[in-house]
Amino acid sequence: MVEGWMRKGSRWPTPVIAVMLAIAFVTVVVTAATIGDQFHIGRRTLSPISVSMNACLYLRPVHDVAVRLNDQWNRALDGRQRWPSFRAQLASELPKLESSLRRAESHVPARIVSKFEIVVADVHLGRAELPRASSIGDVLTLTGQAKSPVIEGANALSDASDLVGNACGYRLAPANALLQ
């Protein structure tokens, strides 16, 4: 009877090995989950909040500019668009993004407004440096800034997009090439 419990050549009974492996597996999973919660890399998505359908009229221009900017960044990052052309497009689109965010602010909840304000502040930083920038790298890493306004602004707009969710039938901002 005892022989059925034991693996041939093993000092441990088979059920004991199974229990030890299960405990080890659970320990690894719990540890990984704990470390993952404490050391998350990248942006965490936010759950949507309630947004009035009336806000969609004001959010559509934000969406439209965000899509154009995302497409421009994609073309610039993969080398399909040269710096002078990209800089000119940014100079044209960033004021549109700022004004559409400002118009939408009074129509959305405060949590979304706070994200819009971060984007606007980062747009201001970027617009001030844009004339002096000589490459896409200069725009991504502004001198004297602890964090990249481009990345911070993209994160804040993605957060606002998460908060809006699909309330308007579209995402406020597309998945951003800079945050992938």
N, C-alpha and C. Protein backbone atom coordinates (compact mmCIF):
# COMPACT_ATOMS: atom_id res chain seq x y z
N MET A 1 0.82 -1.18 0.00
CA MET A 1 0.00 0.00 0.00
C MET A 1 0.87 1.25 0.00
N VAL A 2 1.86 1.28 0.83
CA VAL A 2 2.75 2.42 0.91
C VAL A 2 3.49 2.60 -0.40
N GLU A 3 3.79 1.54 -1.09
CA GLU A 3 4.50 1.63 -2.36
C GLU A 3 3.68 2.37 -3.40
N GLY A 4 2.36 2.29 -3.39
CA GLY A 4 1.52 3.02 -4.34
C GLY A 4 1.55 4.52 -4.11
N TRP A 5 1.82 4.87 -2.90
CA TRP A 5 1.90 6.28 -2.51
C TRP A 5 3.19 6.93 -2.97
N MET A 6 4.19 6.16 -3.15
CA MET A 6 5.52 6.65 -3.45
C MET A 6 5.83 6.46 -4.93
N ARG A 7 6.55 7.43 -5.46
CA ARG A 7 7.08 7.26 -6.80
C ARG A 7 8.29 6.36 -6.69
N LYS A 8 8.54 5.61 -7.72
CA LYS A 8 9.73 4.77 -7.71
C LYS A 8 10.96 5.64 -7.63
N GLY A 9 11.84 5.38 -6.75
CA GLY A 9 13.08 6.11 -6.60
C GLY A 9 12.92 7.45 -5.88
N SER A 10 11.72 7.79 -5.41
CA SER A 10 11.49 9.07 -4.74
C SER A 10 11.40 8.85 -3.25
N ARG A 11 11.88 9.84 -2.50
CA ARG A 11 11.76 9.77 -1.04
C ARG A 11 10.46 10.41 -0.57
N TRP A 12 9.79 11.16 -1.45
CA TRP A 12 8.58 11.87 -1.05
C TRP A 12 7.35 11.19 -1.61
N PRO A 13 6.31 11.10 -0.86
CA PRO A 13 5.05 10.55 -1.38
C PRO A 13 4.49 11.47 -2.47
N THR A 14 3.87 10.94 -3.49
CA THR A 14 3.34 11.69 -4.61
C THR A 14 2.39 12.81 -4.18
N PRO A 15 1.44 12.60 -3.26
CA PRO A 15 0.56 13.70 -2.85
C PRO A 15 1.33 14.85 -2.19
N VAL A 16 2.39 14.54 -1.46
CA VAL A 16 3.18 15.58 -0.81
C VAL A 16 3.86 16.44 -1.87
N ILE A 17 4.38 15.81 -2.90
CA ILE A 17 5.02 16.55 -3.99
C ILE A 17 3.99 17.46 -4.66
N ALA A 18 2.81 16.94 -4.91
CA ALA A 18 1.75 17.73 -5.56
C ALA A 18 1.38 18.95 -4.72
N VAL A 19 1.25 18.76 -3.41
CA VAL A 19 0.91 19.87 -2.51
C VAL A 19 2.03 20.89 -2.51
N MET A 20 3.28 20.43 -2.45
CA MET A 20 4.42 21.36 -2.44
C MET A 20 4.47 22.17 -3.74
N LEU A 21 4.23 21.52 -4.86
CA LEU A 21 4.22 22.23 -6.14
C LEU A 21 3.08 23.25 -6.20
N ALA A 22 1.93 22.88 -5.68
CA ALA A 22 0.79 23.81 -5.66
C ALA A 22 1.10 25.02 -4.80
N ILE A 23 1.70 24.81 -3.63
CA ILE A 23 2.06 25.92 -2.75
C ILE A 23 3.09 26.82 -3.43
N ALA A 24 4.09 26.21 -4.08
CA ALA A 24 5.11 26.99 -4.78
C ALA A 24 4.47 27.82 -5.90
N PHE A 25 3.55 27.22 -6.64
CA PHE A 25 2.88 27.94 -7.73
C PHE A 25 2.08 29.12 -7.20
N VAL A 26 1.31 28.90 -6.16
CA VAL A 26 0.50 29.98 -5.55
C VAL A 26 1.42 31.09 -5.04
N THR A 27 2.53 30.72 -4.42
CA THR A 27 3.47 31.72 -3.91
C THR A 27 4.03 32.57 -5.05
N VAL A 28 4.40 31.95 -6.15
CA VAL A 28 4.92 32.69 -7.30
C VAL A 28 3.85 33.62 -7.87
N VAL A 29 2.64 33.15 -8.02
CA VAL A 29 1.56 33.97 -8.57
C VAL A 29 1.26 35.16 -7.66
N VAL A 30 1.15 34.94 -6.36
CA VAL A 30 0.86 36.02 -5.41
C VAL A 30 2.00 37.03 -5.40
N THR A 31 3.22 36.55 -5.40
CA THR A 31 4.38 37.45 -5.40
C THR A 31 4.40 38.28 -6.68
N ALA A 32 4.17 37.66 -7.81
CA ALA A 32 4.16 38.39 -9.09
C ALA A 32 3.06 39.44 -9.10
N ALA A 33 1.89 39.10 -8.60
CA ALA A 33 0.78 40.06 -8.56
C ALA A 33 1.11 41.23 -7.65
N THR A 34 1.71 40.94 -6.51
CA THR A 34 2.08 42.00 -5.57
C THR A 34 3.13 42.92 -6.16
N ILE A 35 4.16 42.34 -6.74
CA ILE A 35 5.21 43.15 -7.37
C ILE A 35 4.62 43.93 -8.53
N GLY A 36 3.76 43.31 -9.32
CA GLY A 36 3.13 43.98 -10.45
C GLY A 36 2.33 45.20 -10.02
N ASP A 37 1.63 45.10 -8.87
CA ASP A 37 0.86 46.23 -8.37
C ASP A 37 1.76 47.36 -7.90
N GLN A 38 2.89 47.02 -7.32
CA GLN A 38 3.79 48.03 -6.78
C GLN A 38 4.71 48.61 -7.85
N PHE A 39 5.06 47.84 -8.85
CA PHE A 39 6.03 48.27 -9.84
C PHE A 39 5.45 48.22 -11.25
N HIS A 40 4.27 48.74 -11.41
CA HIS A 40 3.60 48.75 -12.71
C HIS A 40 4.38 49.62 -13.69
N ILE A 41 4.60 49.11 -14.88
CA ILE A 41 5.29 49.88 -15.92
C ILE A 41 4.24 50.32 -16.93
N GLY A 42 4.27 51.59 -17.27
CA GLY A 42 3.34 52.11 -18.26
C GLY A 42 2.12 52.76 -17.61
N ARG A 43 1.25 53.20 -18.43
CA ARG A 43 0.06 53.90 -17.98
C ARG A 43 -1.03 52.91 -17.60
N ARG A 44 -1.67 53.14 -16.48
CA ARG A 44 -2.81 52.31 -16.08
C ARG A 44 -4.07 52.91 -16.69
N THR A 45 -4.91 52.06 -17.22
CA THR A 45 -6.16 52.56 -17.78
C THR A 45 -7.13 52.90 -16.65
N LEU A 46 -7.98 53.87 -16.91
CA LEU A 46 -8.98 54.31 -15.94
C LEU A 46 -10.36 53.83 -16.38
N SER A 47 -11.23 53.66 -15.42
CA SER A 47 -12.60 53.25 -15.74
C SER A 47 -13.40 54.47 -16.16
N PRO A 48 -14.31 54.29 -17.13
CA PRO A 48 -15.14 55.41 -17.58
C PRO A 48 -16.02 55.95 -16.46
N ILE A 49 -16.32 57.24 -16.56
CA ILE A 49 -17.24 57.89 -15.63
C ILE A 49 -18.43 58.39 -16.45
N SER A 50 -19.43 58.86 -15.78
CA SER A 50 -20.63 59.36 -16.46
C SER A 50 -20.33 60.68 -17.17
N VAL A 51 -20.65 60.71 -18.46
CA VAL A 51 -20.45 61.91 -19.28
C VAL A 51 -21.75 62.19 -20.01
N SER A 52 -22.18 63.42 -19.96
CA SER A 52 -23.42 63.82 -20.62
C SER A 52 -23.29 63.68 -22.14
N MET A 53 -24.36 63.25 -22.76
CA MET A 53 -24.37 63.17 -24.23
C MET A 53 -24.18 64.55 -24.86
N ASN A 54 -24.60 65.60 -24.14
CA ASN A 54 -24.41 66.97 -24.64
C ASN A 54 -22.93 67.31 -24.78
N ALA A 55 -22.08 66.68 -23.98
CA ALA A 55 -20.64 66.95 -24.03
C ALA A 55 -20.02 66.45 -25.33
N CYS A 56 -20.65 65.47 -25.96
CA CYS A 56 -20.08 64.87 -27.17
C CYS A 56 -19.88 65.89 -28.28
N LEU A 57 -20.76 66.86 -28.38
CA LEU A 57 -20.61 67.92 -29.38
C LEU A 57 -19.30 68.67 -29.17
N TYR A 58 -18.89 68.83 -27.94
CA TYR A 58 -17.67 69.57 -27.61
C TYR A 58 -16.44 68.66 -27.59
N LEU A 59 -16.66 67.38 -27.41
CA LEU A 59 -15.55 66.44 -27.38
C LEU A 59 -15.13 65.99 -28.78
N ARG A 60 -16.04 66.08 -29.75
CA ARG A 60 -15.70 65.64 -31.12
C ARG A 60 -14.50 66.40 -31.70
N PRO A 61 -14.42 67.74 -31.55
CA PRO A 61 -13.22 68.43 -32.07
C PRO A 61 -11.93 67.99 -31.38
N VAL A 62 -12.00 67.68 -30.09
CA VAL A 62 -10.82 67.16 -29.38
C VAL A 62 -10.41 65.84 -30.02
N HIS A 63 -11.38 64.98 -30.24
CA HIS A 63 -11.12 63.69 -30.88
C HIS A 63 -10.47 63.89 -32.26
N ASP A 64 -11.05 64.76 -33.06
CA ASP A 64 -10.55 64.96 -34.43
C ASP A 64 -9.10 65.44 -34.44
N VAL A 65 -8.77 66.39 -33.58
CA VAL A 65 -7.39 66.89 -33.52
C VAL A 65 -6.47 65.80 -32.97
N ALA A 66 -6.92 65.08 -31.96
CA ALA A 66 -6.09 64.02 -31.38
C ALA A 66 -5.77 62.95 -32.41
N VAL A 67 -6.72 62.60 -33.25
CA VAL A 67 -6.49 61.60 -34.30
C VAL A 67 -5.47 62.13 -35.30
N ARG A 68 -5.62 63.39 -35.72
CA ARG A 68 -4.66 63.98 -36.67
C ARG A 68 -3.26 64.02 -36.07
N LEU A 69 -3.15 64.46 -34.82
CA LEU A 69 -1.84 64.51 -34.16
C LEU A 69 -1.23 63.12 -34.03
N ASN A 70 -2.03 62.14 -33.67
CA ASN A 70 -1.53 60.77 -33.54
C ASN A 70 -1.00 60.27 -34.88
N ASP A 71 -1.75 60.53 -35.95
CA ASP A 71 -1.29 60.13 -37.29
C ASP A 71 0.02 60.82 -37.65
N GLN A 72 0.14 62.11 -37.31
CA GLN A 72 1.36 62.85 -37.59
C GLN A 72 2.54 62.27 -36.81
N TRP A 73 2.32 61.98 -35.53
CA TRP A 73 3.39 61.38 -34.74
C TRP A 73 3.80 60.03 -35.30
N ASN A 74 2.84 59.22 -35.70
CA ASN A 74 3.16 57.92 -36.29
C ASN A 74 4.04 58.07 -37.52
N ARG A 75 3.67 59.00 -38.41
CA ARG A 75 4.47 59.23 -39.63
C ARG A 75 5.87 59.75 -39.30
N ALA A 76 5.96 60.63 -38.31
CA ALA A 76 7.27 61.18 -37.94
C ALA A 76 8.15 60.13 -37.26
N LEU A 77 7.56 59.33 -36.38
CA LEU A 77 8.33 58.33 -35.66
C LEU A 77 8.83 57.20 -36.55
N ASP A 78 8.05 56.87 -37.57
CA ASP A 78 8.52 55.79 -38.44
C ASP A 78 9.26 56.30 -39.68
N GLY A 79 9.55 57.61 -39.70
CA GLY A 79 10.39 58.17 -40.76
C GLY A 79 9.68 58.53 -42.05
N ARG A 80 8.36 58.45 -42.10
CA ARG A 80 7.63 58.80 -43.32
C ARG A 80 7.46 60.31 -43.48
N GLN A 81 7.71 61.06 -42.41
CA GLN A 81 7.55 62.51 -42.48
C GLN A 81 8.81 63.18 -41.93
N ARG A 82 9.33 64.10 -42.69
CA ARG A 82 10.55 64.80 -42.30
C ARG A 82 10.24 65.87 -41.25
N TRP A 83 11.26 66.23 -40.48
CA TRP A 83 11.13 67.16 -39.38
C TRP A 83 10.50 68.50 -39.77
N PRO A 84 10.96 69.20 -40.80
CA PRO A 84 10.38 70.53 -41.09
C PRO A 84 8.86 70.47 -41.33
N SER A 85 8.43 69.45 -42.04
CA SER A 85 7.00 69.29 -42.30
C SER A 85 6.24 68.94 -41.02
N PHE A 86 6.82 68.06 -40.23
CA PHE A 86 6.20 67.66 -38.98
C PHE A 86 6.09 68.85 -38.03
N ARG A 87 7.15 69.63 -37.91
CA ARG A 87 7.14 70.81 -37.04
C ARG A 87 6.05 71.79 -37.48
N ALA A 88 5.91 72.00 -38.77
CA ALA A 88 4.87 72.91 -39.28
C ALA A 88 3.47 72.39 -38.94
N GLN A 89 3.29 71.09 -39.06
CA GLN A 89 1.97 70.52 -38.73
C GLN A 89 1.70 70.63 -37.23
N LEU A 90 2.71 70.37 -36.40
CA LEU A 90 2.52 70.52 -34.96
C LEU A 90 2.16 71.96 -34.62
N ALA A 91 2.87 72.90 -35.22
CA ALA A 91 2.61 74.31 -34.96
C ALA A 91 1.18 74.69 -35.34
N SER A 92 0.65 74.02 -36.33
CA SER A 92 -0.72 74.28 -36.78
C SER A 92 -1.77 73.58 -35.90
N GLU A 93 -1.50 72.36 -35.51
CA GLU A 93 -2.49 71.54 -34.79
C GLU A 93 -2.54 71.81 -33.28
N LEU A 94 -1.42 72.13 -32.66
CA LEU A 94 -1.41 72.29 -31.20
C LEU A 94 -2.35 73.41 -30.72
N PRO A 95 -2.40 74.58 -31.39
CA PRO A 95 -3.39 75.58 -30.95
C PRO A 95 -4.83 75.08 -31.09
N LYS A 96 -5.08 74.27 -32.11
CA LYS A 96 -6.42 73.71 -32.29
C LYS A 96 -6.77 72.75 -31.16
N LEU A 97 -5.78 71.96 -30.75
CA LEU A 97 -6.01 71.04 -29.63
C LEU A 97 -6.31 71.84 -28.36
N GLU A 98 -5.51 72.85 -28.11
CA GLU A 98 -5.73 73.66 -26.91
C GLU A 98 -7.10 74.31 -26.91
N SER A 99 -7.49 74.91 -28.01
CA SER A 99 -8.80 75.59 -28.03
C SER A 99 -9.96 74.60 -27.93
N SER A 100 -9.83 73.45 -28.55
CA SER A 100 -10.93 72.47 -28.45
C SER A 100 -11.03 71.91 -27.03
N LEU A 101 -9.89 71.74 -26.35
CA LEU A 101 -9.93 71.30 -24.95
C LEU A 101 -10.59 72.36 -24.07
N ARG A 102 -10.22 73.62 -24.29
CA ARG A 102 -10.81 74.72 -23.50
C ARG A 102 -12.32 74.81 -23.70
N ARG A 103 -12.77 74.66 -24.95
CA ARG A 103 -14.23 74.72 -25.21
C ARG A 103 -14.96 73.56 -24.56
N ALA A 104 -14.33 72.40 -24.48
CA ALA A 104 -14.99 71.20 -23.93
C ALA A 104 -15.02 71.19 -22.41
N GLU A 105 -14.10 71.93 -21.77
CA GLU A 105 -13.96 71.87 -20.31
C GLU A 105 -15.25 72.12 -19.54
N SER A 106 -16.04 73.07 -19.97
CA SER A 106 -17.25 73.40 -19.21
C SER A 106 -18.39 72.40 -19.43
N HIS A 107 -18.14 71.39 -20.24
CA HIS A 107 -19.19 70.41 -20.56
C HIS A 107 -18.89 69.01 -20.05
N VAL A 108 -17.75 68.85 -19.35
CA VAL A 108 -17.37 67.52 -18.87
C VAL A 108 -17.13 67.57 -17.35
N PRO A 109 -17.16 66.41 -16.70
CA PRO A 109 -16.91 66.36 -15.25
C PRO A 109 -15.49 66.84 -14.88
N ALA A 110 -15.34 67.23 -13.63
CA ALA A 110 -14.09 67.80 -13.13
C ALA A 110 -12.89 66.86 -13.31
N ARG A 111 -13.09 65.56 -13.18
CA ARG A 111 -11.96 64.64 -13.36
C ARG A 111 -11.40 64.72 -14.77
N ILE A 112 -12.25 64.91 -15.74
CA ILE A 112 -11.80 65.04 -17.13
C ILE A 112 -11.16 66.41 -17.34
N VAL A 113 -11.76 67.45 -16.75
CA VAL A 113 -11.19 68.80 -16.85
C VAL A 113 -9.76 68.81 -16.32
N SER A 114 -9.52 68.12 -15.20
CA SER A 114 -8.16 68.11 -14.64
C SER A 114 -7.17 67.48 -15.62
N LYS A 115 -7.58 66.50 -16.36
CA LYS A 115 -6.72 65.88 -17.38
C LYS A 115 -6.51 66.84 -18.55
N PHE A 116 -7.58 67.53 -18.95
CA PHE A 116 -7.46 68.51 -20.03
C PHE A 116 -6.48 69.62 -19.65
N GLU A 117 -6.51 70.05 -18.40
CA GLU A 117 -5.62 71.12 -17.95
C GLU A 117 -4.15 70.69 -18.01
N ILE A 118 -3.88 69.44 -17.74
CA ILE A 118 -2.52 68.92 -17.86
C ILE A 118 -2.08 68.96 -19.32
N VAL A 119 -2.97 68.53 -20.20
CA VAL A 119 -2.66 68.55 -21.64
C VAL A 119 -2.37 69.98 -22.09
N VAL A 120 -3.22 70.92 -21.70
CA VAL A 120 -3.04 72.32 -22.10
C VAL A 120 -1.70 72.86 -21.60
N ALA A 121 -1.35 72.57 -20.36
CA ALA A 121 -0.07 73.03 -19.82
C ALA A 121 1.10 72.45 -20.62
N ASP A 122 1.01 71.18 -20.97
CA ASP A 122 2.07 70.55 -21.74
C ASP A 122 2.11 71.07 -23.18
N VAL A 123 0.95 71.39 -23.74
CA VAL A 123 0.91 72.00 -25.07
C VAL A 123 1.62 73.35 -25.04
N HIS A 124 1.39 74.12 -24.00
CA HIS A 124 2.08 75.43 -23.86
C HIS A 124 3.59 75.25 -23.85
N LEU A 125 4.07 74.29 -23.06
CA LEU A 125 5.51 74.03 -23.01
C LEU A 125 6.05 73.63 -24.39
N GLY A 126 5.34 72.75 -25.03
CA GLY A 126 5.76 72.29 -26.36
C GLY A 126 5.74 73.39 -27.41
N ARG A 127 4.71 74.19 -27.39
CA ARG A 127 4.62 75.28 -28.38
C ARG A 127 5.72 76.31 -28.17
N ALA A 128 6.11 76.55 -26.93
CA ALA A 128 7.17 77.51 -26.66
C ALA A 128 8.52 77.01 -27.17
N GLU A 129 8.74 75.72 -27.11
CA GLU A 129 10.02 75.14 -27.54
C GLU A 129 10.05 74.78 -29.02
N LEU A 130 8.92 74.60 -29.62
CA LEU A 130 8.86 74.14 -31.00
C LEU A 130 9.69 74.97 -31.98
N PRO A 131 9.66 76.29 -31.93
CA PRO A 131 10.47 77.06 -32.88
C PRO A 131 11.98 76.81 -32.74
N ARG A 132 12.43 76.47 -31.56
CA ARG A 132 13.87 76.23 -31.33
C ARG A 132 14.28 74.78 -31.60
N ALA A 133 13.32 73.89 -31.69
CA ALA A 133 13.62 72.47 -31.86
C ALA A 133 14.17 72.20 -33.26
N SER A 134 15.17 71.34 -33.31
CA SER A 134 15.77 71.00 -34.61
C SER A 134 15.50 69.56 -35.02
N SER A 135 14.79 68.82 -34.16
CA SER A 135 14.47 67.42 -34.48
C SER A 135 13.31 66.95 -33.61
N ILE A 136 12.79 65.80 -33.95
CA ILE A 136 11.72 65.21 -33.15
C ILE A 136 12.22 64.90 -31.73
N GLY A 137 13.48 64.54 -31.61
CA GLY A 137 14.07 64.27 -30.30
C GLY A 137 14.04 65.49 -29.40
N ASP A 138 14.26 66.69 -29.99
CA ASP A 138 14.20 67.92 -29.20
C ASP A 138 12.82 68.14 -28.62
N VAL A 139 11.80 67.76 -29.35
CA VAL A 139 10.42 67.94 -28.90
C VAL A 139 10.09 66.93 -27.80
N LEU A 140 10.59 65.72 -27.96
CA LEU A 140 10.30 64.67 -26.98
C LEU A 140 11.01 64.89 -25.65
N THR A 141 12.19 65.48 -25.69
CA THR A 141 12.98 65.66 -24.47
C THR A 141 13.36 67.13 -24.32
N LEU A 142 12.46 67.94 -23.86
CA LEU A 142 12.73 69.36 -23.70
C LEU A 142 13.77 69.59 -22.62
N THR A 143 14.72 70.42 -22.92
CA THR A 143 15.79 70.74 -21.98
C THR A 143 15.22 71.37 -20.72
N GLY A 144 15.71 70.92 -19.58
CA GLY A 144 15.29 71.49 -18.31
C GLY A 144 13.98 70.93 -17.77
N GLN A 145 13.36 70.02 -18.48
CA GLN A 145 12.11 69.43 -18.01
C GLN A 145 12.39 68.05 -17.41
N ALA A 146 11.85 67.80 -16.23
CA ALA A 146 12.03 66.49 -15.58
C ALA A 146 11.33 65.40 -16.38
N LYS A 147 10.20 65.72 -16.95
CA LYS A 147 9.43 64.76 -17.74
C LYS A 147 9.14 65.38 -19.10
N SER A 148 8.94 64.55 -20.08
CA SER A 148 8.63 65.03 -21.42
C SER A 148 7.20 65.54 -21.46
N PRO A 149 6.99 66.83 -21.81
CA PRO A 149 5.63 67.34 -21.94
C PRO A 149 4.81 66.58 -22.97
N VAL A 150 5.49 66.07 -24.00
CA VAL A 150 4.77 65.31 -25.03
C VAL A 150 4.21 64.03 -24.43
N ILE A 151 5.05 63.31 -23.69
CA ILE A 151 4.60 62.05 -23.09
C ILE A 151 3.56 62.32 -21.99
N GLU A 152 3.83 63.32 -21.16
CA GLU A 152 2.88 63.66 -20.09
C GLU A 152 1.53 64.10 -20.66
N GLY A 153 1.57 64.92 -21.71
CA GLY A 153 0.32 65.35 -22.34
C GLY A 153 -0.42 64.20 -22.99
N ALA A 154 0.32 63.32 -23.65
CA ALA A 154 -0.31 62.13 -24.27
C ALA A 154 -0.93 61.23 -23.20
N ASN A 155 -0.22 61.07 -22.08
CA ASN A 155 -0.78 60.27 -20.97
C ASN A 155 -2.06 60.90 -20.43
N ALA A 156 -2.04 62.21 -20.22
CA ALA A 156 -3.23 62.89 -19.68
C ALA A 156 -4.41 62.80 -20.65
N LEU A 157 -4.13 62.95 -21.95
CA LEU A 157 -5.22 62.84 -22.93
C LEU A 157 -5.74 61.40 -22.99
N SER A 158 -4.85 60.43 -22.86
CA SER A 158 -5.30 59.03 -22.81
C SER A 158 -6.13 58.77 -21.56
N ASP A 159 -5.74 59.37 -20.44
CA ASP A 159 -6.55 59.24 -19.22
C ASP A 159 -7.93 59.85 -19.42
N ALA A 160 -7.99 61.03 -20.02
CA ALA A 160 -9.29 61.67 -20.30
C ALA A 160 -10.12 60.78 -21.22
N SER A 161 -9.46 60.18 -22.20
CA SER A 161 -10.15 59.29 -23.12
C SER A 161 -10.72 58.08 -22.38
N ASP A 162 -9.94 57.52 -21.45
CA ASP A 162 -10.45 56.41 -20.63
C ASP A 162 -11.67 56.84 -19.85
N LEU A 163 -11.60 58.03 -19.24
CA LEU A 163 -12.71 58.52 -18.40
C LEU A 163 -13.98 58.75 -19.22
N VAL A 164 -13.83 59.24 -20.45
CA VAL A 164 -15.00 59.42 -21.33
C VAL A 164 -15.51 58.07 -21.79
N GLY A 165 -14.58 57.14 -22.02
CA GLY A 165 -14.97 55.82 -22.51
C GLY A 165 -15.59 55.92 -23.89
N ASN A 166 -16.65 55.17 -24.11
CA ASN A 166 -17.34 55.19 -25.40
C ASN A 166 -18.67 55.94 -25.31
N ALA A 167 -18.77 56.88 -24.38
CA ALA A 167 -20.02 57.61 -24.17
C ALA A 167 -20.50 58.32 -25.43
N CYS A 168 -19.57 58.72 -26.27
CA CYS A 168 -19.93 59.46 -27.48
C CYS A 168 -19.92 58.57 -28.72
N GLY A 169 -19.64 57.29 -28.55
CA GLY A 169 -19.60 56.38 -29.69
C GLY A 169 -18.22 56.29 -30.32
N TYR A 170 -17.24 56.91 -29.73
CA TYR A 170 -15.86 56.86 -30.22
C TYR A 170 -14.94 57.12 -29.03
N ARG A 171 -13.70 56.72 -29.17
CA ARG A 171 -12.70 57.03 -28.14
C ARG A 171 -12.27 58.48 -28.34
N LEU A 172 -12.10 59.21 -27.26
CA LEU A 172 -11.68 60.60 -27.34
C LEU A 172 -10.33 60.71 -28.03
N ALA A 173 -9.40 59.83 -27.67
CA ALA A 173 -8.08 59.83 -28.27
C ALA A 173 -7.73 58.41 -28.68
N PRO A 174 -7.07 58.26 -29.83
CA PRO A 174 -6.68 56.91 -30.26
C PRO A 174 -5.53 56.39 -29.40
N ALA A 175 -5.25 55.10 -29.52
CA ALA A 175 -4.06 54.55 -28.88
C ALA A 175 -2.88 55.32 -29.43
N ASN A 176 -2.05 55.84 -28.56
CA ASN A 176 -1.00 56.76 -28.95
C ASN A 176 0.31 56.03 -29.24
N ALA A 177 0.93 56.36 -30.37
CA ALA A 177 2.19 55.75 -30.76
C ALA A 177 3.29 55.99 -29.73
N LEU A 178 3.21 57.09 -29.03
CA LEU A 178 4.24 57.44 -28.05
C LEU A 178 4.14 56.61 -26.78
N LEU A 179 2.98 56.05 -26.53
CA LEU A 179 2.76 55.32 -25.28
C LEU A 179 2.77 53.81 -25.48
N GLN A 180 3.02 53.36 -26.66
CA GLN A 180 3.01 51.92 -26.96
C GLN A 180 4.24 51.23 -26.45
